[in-house]
């Protein structure tokens, strides 16, 4: 695995771990953000591994589409993608981001992040 791909993948796994830990301490908006980041970095690692170039986007559905991801991964990407901005910016959230997310929503987003990570793990293992 190329160094750039390996580094992105390693950070994706760290971001997923961070999302889990933030859920435990009830920082739900931050957990959701790191679930999105884990999925984004994993998809970018796979993209870089397959296409041999970086893709400069934060749109997870765009990455999933370009990677011919299965429908369930595309759906996970679609659910996670808006959280790149909504979890961090008051004007994007139209509210206080920390008040928008609950334990249940953070758990659902973590599940989506885990699904993306597992799909990318299988794809990387298949010889990218």
C-alpha atoms as a PDB file:
ATOM      1  CA  UNK A   1       0.000   0.000   0.000  1.00  0.00           C
ATOM      2  CA  UNK A   2       1.331   3.426  -0.928  1.00  0.00           C
ATOM      3  CA  UNK A   3       2.421   5.669   1.931  1.00  0.00           C
ATOM      4  CA  UNK A   4      -0.316   8.279   1.237  1.00  0.00           C
ATOM      5  CA  UNK A   5      -3.005   5.601   1.189  1.00  0.00           C
ATOM      6  CA  UNK A   6      -1.653   3.995   4.350  1.00  0.00           C
ATOM      7  CA  UNK A   7      -1.590   7.314   6.205  1.00  0.00           C
ATOM      8  CA  UNK A   8      -5.138   8.236   5.192  1.00  0.00           C
ATOM      9  CA  UNK A   9      -6.359   4.779   6.199  1.00  0.00           C
ATOM     10  CA  UNK A  10      -4.576   4.963   9.558  1.00  0.00           C
ATOM     11  CA  UNK A  11      -6.130   8.367  10.266  1.00  0.00           C
ATOM     12  CA  UNK A  12      -9.574   7.091   9.232  1.00  0.00           C
ATOM     13  CA  UNK A  13      -9.288   4.360  11.865  1.00  0.00           C
ATOM     14  CA  UNK A  14      -8.159   6.891  14.481  1.00  0.00           C
ATOM     15  CA  UNK A  15     -11.090   9.163  13.618  1.00  0.00           C
ATOM     16  CA  UNK A  16     -13.508   6.254  14.022  1.00  0.00           C
ATOM     17  CA  UNK A  17     -11.998   5.477  17.427  1.00  0.00           C
ATOM     18  CA  UNK A  18     -12.336   9.148  18.373  1.00  0.00           C
ATOM     19  CA  UNK A  19     -16.013   9.102  17.327  1.00  0.00           C
ATOM     20  CA  UNK A  20     -16.598   6.131  19.652  1.00  0.00           C
ATOM     21  CA  UNK A  21     -14.866   7.816  22.575  1.00  0.00           C
ATOM     22  CA  UNK A  22     -16.772  11.069  22.067  1.00  0.00           C
ATOM     23  CA  UNK A  23     -20.044   9.130  22.077  1.00  0.00           C
ATOM     24  CA  UNK A  24     -19.089   7.648  25.453  1.00  0.00           C
ATOM     25  CA  UNK A  25     -18.597  11.120  26.956  1.00  0.00           C
ATOM     26  CA  UNK A  26     -21.839  12.399  25.398  1.00  0.00           C
ATOM     27  CA  UNK A  27     -20.252  14.835  22.928  1.00  0.00           C
ATOM     28  CA  UNK A  28     -22.691  13.764  20.244  1.00  0.00           C
ATOM     29  CA  UNK A  29     -22.095  16.485  17.640  1.00  0.00           C
ATOM     30  CA  UNK A  30     -18.343  15.866  17.803  1.00  0.00           C
ATOM     31  CA  UNK A  31     -18.858  12.107  17.565  1.00  0.00           C
ATOM     32  CA  UNK A  32     -20.928  12.641  14.427  1.00  0.00           C
ATOM     33  CA  UNK A  33     -18.219  14.881  12.945  1.00  0.00           C
ATOM     34  CA  UNK A  34     -15.530  12.254  13.529  1.00  0.00           C
ATOM     35  CA  UNK A  35     -17.764   9.529  12.088  1.00  0.00           C
ATOM     36  CA  UNK A  36     -18.001  11.638   8.928  1.00  0.00           C
ATOM     37  CA  UNK A  37     -14.253  12.241   8.938  1.00  0.00           C
ATOM     38  CA  UNK A  38     -13.513   8.533   9.316  1.00  0.00           C
ATOM     39  CA  UNK A  39     -15.694   7.726   6.320  1.00  0.00           C
ATOM     40  CA  UNK A  40     -14.272  10.583   4.247  1.00  0.00           C
ATOM     41  CA  UNK A  41     -10.649   9.632   4.880  1.00  0.00           C
ATOM     42  CA  UNK A  42     -11.363   5.946   4.265  1.00  0.00           C
ATOM     43  CA  UNK A  43     -13.073   6.703   0.949  1.00  0.00           C
ATOM     44  CA  UNK A  44     -10.232   9.030  -0.035  1.00  0.00           C
ATOM     45  CA  UNK A  45      -7.670   6.339   0.831  1.00  0.00           C
ATOM     46  CA  UNK A  46      -9.493   3.864  -1.377  1.00  0.00           C
ATOM     47  CA  UNK A  47      -9.863   6.421  -4.156  1.00  0.00           C
ATOM     48  CA  UNK A  48      -6.163   7.225  -4.016  1.00  0.00           C
ATOM     49  CA  UNK A  49      -5.305   3.537  -3.976  1.00  0.00           C
ATOM     50  CA  UNK A  50      -7.469   2.741  -6.988  1.00  0.00           C
ATOM     51  CA  UNK A  51      -7.105   5.902  -9.080  1.00  0.00           C
ATOM     52  CA  UNK A  52      -3.508   6.779  -8.117  1.00  0.00           C
ATOM     53  CA  UNK A  53      -4.476  10.400  -7.472  1.00  0.00           C
ATOM     54  CA  UNK A  54      -6.128  12.480  -4.770  1.00  0.00           C
ATOM     55  CA  UNK A  55      -9.707  13.658  -4.955  1.00  0.00           C
ATOM     56  CA  UNK A  56     -10.306  17.086  -3.459  1.00  0.00           C
ATOM     57  CA  UNK A  57     -13.885  16.985  -2.260  1.00  0.00           C
ATOM     58  CA  UNK A  58     -15.775  16.680   0.997  1.00  0.00           C
ATOM     59  CA  UNK A  59     -18.811  15.182  -0.754  1.00  0.00           C
ATOM     60  CA  UNK A  60     -18.909  11.558   0.341  1.00  0.00           C
ATOM     61  CA  UNK A  61     -21.587  10.677  -2.203  1.00  0.00           C
ATOM     62  CA  UNK A  62     -19.299  11.904  -4.982  1.00  0.00           C
ATOM     63  CA  UNK A  63     -16.502   9.692  -3.686  1.00  0.00           C
ATOM     64  CA  UNK A  64     -18.814   6.699  -3.268  1.00  0.00           C
ATOM     65  CA  UNK A  65     -20.146   7.155  -6.785  1.00  0.00           C
ATOM     66  CA  UNK A  66     -16.665   7.402  -8.299  1.00  0.00           C
ATOM     67  CA  UNK A  67     -15.689   4.231  -6.434  1.00  0.00           C
ATOM     68  CA  UNK A  68     -18.782   2.338  -7.635  1.00  0.00           C
ATOM     69  CA  UNK A  69     -19.745   1.713  -4.024  1.00  0.00           C
ATOM     70  CA  UNK A  70     -22.710  -0.549  -3.348  1.00  0.00           C
ATOM     71  CA  UNK A  71     -26.052   1.071  -2.527  1.00  0.00           C
ATOM     72  CA  UNK A  72     -25.738   0.670   1.250  1.00  0.00           C
ATOM     73  CA  UNK A  73     -22.366   2.440   1.259  1.00  0.00           C
ATOM     74  CA  UNK A  74     -23.716   5.201  -0.979  1.00  0.00           C
ATOM     75  CA  UNK A  75     -26.618   5.652   1.462  1.00  0.00           C
ATOM     76  CA  UNK A  76     -24.233   5.800   4.429  1.00  0.00           C
ATOM     77  CA  UNK A  77     -22.158   8.387   2.561  1.00  0.00           C
ATOM     78  CA  UNK A  78     -25.292  10.423   1.822  1.00  0.00           C
ATOM     79  CA  UNK A  79     -26.265  10.460   5.497  1.00  0.00           C
ATOM     80  CA  UNK A  80     -22.777  11.407   6.683  1.00  0.00           C
ATOM     81  CA  UNK A  81     -21.827  13.974   4.046  1.00  0.00           C
ATOM     82  CA  UNK A  82     -23.765  16.998   5.386  1.00  0.00           C
ATOM     83  CA  UNK A  83     -22.188  16.547   8.815  1.00  0.00           C
ATOM     84  CA  UNK A  84     -18.889  17.900   7.531  1.00  0.00           C
ATOM     85  CA  UNK A  85     -20.362  21.402   7.854  1.00  0.00           C
ATOM     86  CA  UNK A  86     -23.462  21.073  10.041  1.00  0.00           C
ATOM     87  CA  UNK A  87     -21.512  19.777  13.056  1.00  0.00           C
ATOM     88  CA  UNK A  88     -19.143  22.741  12.967  1.00  0.00           C
ATOM     89  CA  UNK A  89     -20.796  25.855  11.604  1.00  0.00           C
ATOM     90  CA  UNK A  90     -23.687  27.722  13.173  1.00  0.00           C
ATOM     91  CA  UNK A  91     -24.782  29.204   9.860  1.00  0.00           C
ATOM     92  CA  UNK A  92     -24.801  25.784   8.165  1.00  0.00           C
ATOM     93  CA  UNK A  93     -26.669  24.216  11.081  1.00  0.00           C
ATOM     94  CA  UNK A  94     -28.973  27.212  11.492  1.00  0.00           C
ATOM     95  CA  UNK A  95     -28.636  26.419  15.199  1.00  0.00           C
ATOM     96  CA  UNK A  96     -26.056  25.463  17.786  1.00  0.00           C
ATOM     97  CA  UNK A  97     -24.550  22.232  16.418  1.00  0.00           C
ATOM     98  CA  UNK A  98     -24.016  20.810  19.916  1.00  0.00           C
ATOM     99  CA  UNK A  99     -27.794  20.926  20.452  1.00  0.00           C
ATOM    100  CA  UNK A 100     -28.752  19.200  17.201  1.00  0.00           C
ATOM    101  CA  UNK A 101     -27.473  15.698  17.909  1.00  0.00           C
ATOM    102  CA  UNK A 102     -28.647  13.069  20.391  1.00  0.00           C
ATOM    103  CA  UNK A 103     -27.186   9.774  21.535  1.00  0.00           C
ATOM    104  CA  UNK A 104     -29.388   7.985  19.029  1.00  0.00           C
ATOM    105  CA  UNK A 105     -28.302  10.165  16.091  1.00  0.00           C
ATOM    106  CA  UNK A 106     -24.635   9.823  17.083  1.00  0.00           C
ATOM    107  CA  UNK A 107     -25.023   6.029  17.280  1.00  0.00           C
ATOM    108  CA  UNK A 108     -26.642   5.937  13.840  1.00  0.00           C
ATOM    109  CA  UNK A 109     -23.883   8.080  12.336  1.00  0.00           C
ATOM    110  CA  UNK A 110     -21.230   5.924  13.998  1.00  0.00           C
ATOM    111  CA  UNK A 111     -22.855   2.855  12.455  1.00  0.00           C
ATOM    112  CA  UNK A 112     -22.682   4.515   9.021  1.00  0.00           C
ATOM    113  CA  UNK A 113     -19.019   5.363   9.575  1.00  0.00           C
ATOM    114  CA  UNK A 114     -18.301   1.778  10.593  1.00  0.00           C
ATOM    115  CA  UNK A 115     -20.076   0.444   7.491  1.00  0.00           C
ATOM    116  CA  UNK A 116     -17.943   2.622   5.222  1.00  0.00           C
ATOM    117  CA  UNK A 117     -14.762   1.640   7.078  1.00  0.00           C
ATOM    118  CA  UNK A 118     -15.560  -2.075   6.786  1.00  0.00           C
ATOM    119  CA  UNK A 119     -16.342  -1.824   3.062  1.00  0.00           C
ATOM    120  CA  UNK A 120     -13.107   0.087   2.429  1.00  0.00           C
ATOM    121  CA  UNK A 121     -11.189  -2.458   4.538  1.00  0.00           C
ATOM    122  CA  UNK A 122     -12.465  -5.274   2.301  1.00  0.00           C
ATOM    123  CA  UNK A 123     -11.685  -3.301  -0.856  1.00  0.00           C
ATOM    124  CA  UNK A 124      -8.153  -2.478   0.308  1.00  0.00           C
ATOM    125  CA  UNK A 125      -7.573  -6.114   1.280  1.00  0.00           C
ATOM    126  CA  UNK A 126      -8.569  -7.221  -2.208  1.00  0.00           C
ATOM    127  CA  UNK A 127      -5.388  -5.754  -3.585  1.00  0.00           C
ATOM    128  CA  UNK A 128      -5.579  -2.005  -4.079  1.00  0.00           C
END
